[in-house]
Amino acid sequence: IKTFVIGRKNWLFANTGKGAQASATIYSIIETAKSYGLSVEKYLVYLMNGLSNETTSIEDIMPWSKSLPEDLKVQSK
């Protein structure tokens, strides 16, 4: 919940409704990746590459997909 409260405060400074929606979308993607134990930076690169490929199914690049590469997961200590 704390991260959503911080995000909500940051959205006050979005210049437009579309800007606020874009920020909320990115924020949601990041928090979902975290909740599935993914490295956010690696996942975002993987996601952008997948979105630029017309043959990639959207379901295959979602954080909950079973077909994600293992190297996207955060290594536990």
Protein backbone atom coordinates (compact mmCIF):
# COMPACT_ATOMS: atom_id res chain seq x y z
CA ILE A 1 0.00 0.00 0.00
CA LYS A 2 2.83 2.41 0.82
CA THR A 3 4.12 2.36 -2.75
CA PHE A 4 0.68 3.27 -4.09
CA VAL A 5 0.42 6.21 -1.70
CA ILE A 6 3.80 7.51 -2.85
CA GLY A 7 2.77 7.01 -6.47
CA ARG A 8 -0.50 8.84 -5.90
CA LYS A 9 1.40 11.86 -4.58
CA ASN A 10 3.71 11.81 -7.60
CA TRP A 11 0.77 11.70 -10.01
CA LEU A 12 -0.30 15.13 -8.77
CA PHE A 13 2.49 16.54 -10.90
CA ALA A 14 1.47 14.93 -14.20
CA ASN A 15 0.77 17.72 -16.67
CA THR A 16 -2.10 15.98 -18.44
CA GLY A 17 -4.58 13.19 -17.91
CA LYS A 18 -2.77 11.10 -20.50
CA GLY A 19 0.52 11.69 -18.70
CA ALA A 20 -1.00 10.56 -15.42
CA GLN A 21 -2.45 7.47 -17.09
CA ALA A 22 0.92 6.62 -18.68
CA SER A 23 2.64 7.00 -15.30
CA ALA A 24 0.05 4.79 -13.61
CA THR A 25 0.45 2.13 -16.31
CA ILE A 26 4.24 2.03 -15.97
CA TYR A 27 3.91 1.99 -12.19
CA SER A 28 1.49 -0.93 -12.38
CA ILE A 29 3.82 -2.89 -14.67
CA ILE A 30 6.76 -2.32 -12.31
CA GLU A 31 4.85 -3.31 -9.17
CA THR A 32 3.42 -6.41 -10.86
CA ALA A 33 6.90 -7.48 -11.99
CA LYS A 34 8.15 -7.04 -8.42
CA SER A 35 5.28 -9.10 -7.02
CA TYR A 36 6.22 -11.97 -9.37
CA GLY A 37 9.85 -11.84 -8.23
CA LEU A 38 11.27 -10.38 -11.44
CA SER A 39 14.21 -8.02 -11.84
CA VAL A 40 12.42 -4.83 -12.87
CA GLU A 41 15.19 -3.53 -15.13
CA LYS A 42 15.65 -6.84 -16.95
CA TYR A 43 11.90 -7.34 -17.26
CA LEU A 44 11.31 -3.88 -18.75
CA VAL A 45 13.99 -4.50 -21.40
CA TYR A 46 12.45 -7.91 -22.15
CA LEU A 47 8.97 -6.36 -22.30
CA MET A 48 9.98 -3.58 -24.69
CA ASN A 49 11.77 -6.04 -26.96
CA GLY A 50 8.73 -8.32 -26.91
CA LEU A 51 6.34 -5.48 -27.68
CA SER A 52 8.44 -4.42 -30.66
CA ASN A 53 8.25 -7.94 -32.11
CA GLU A 54 5.02 -8.43 -34.06
CA THR A 55 5.09 -12.21 -33.63
CA THR A 56 5.24 -12.14 -29.82
CA SER A 57 2.01 -13.00 -28.03
CA ILE A 58 1.17 -10.52 -25.27
CA GLU A 59 0.43 -13.43 -22.92
CA ASP A 60 4.00 -14.71 -23.37
CA ILE A 61 5.54 -11.50 -22.03
CA MET A 62 3.28 -10.90 -19.03
CA PRO A 63 4.97 -11.19 -15.59
CA TRP A 64 2.94 -14.31 -14.76
CA SER A 65 3.85 -16.14 -17.98
CA LYS A 66 5.42 -19.57 -17.54
CA SER A 67 7.56 -18.95 -20.65
CA LEU A 68 9.63 -16.07 -19.21
CA PRO A 69 13.39 -16.66 -19.21
CA GLU A 70 14.82 -17.68 -15.84
CA ASP A 71 17.37 -14.84 -15.89
CA LEU A 72 14.54 -12.32 -15.38
CA LYS A 73 13.94 -13.61 -11.87
CA VAL A 74 15.60 -11.98 -8.87
CA GLN A 75 18.29 -14.20 -7.42
CA SER A 76 17.60 -14.92 -3.77
CA LYS A 77 20.51 -14.73 -1.35
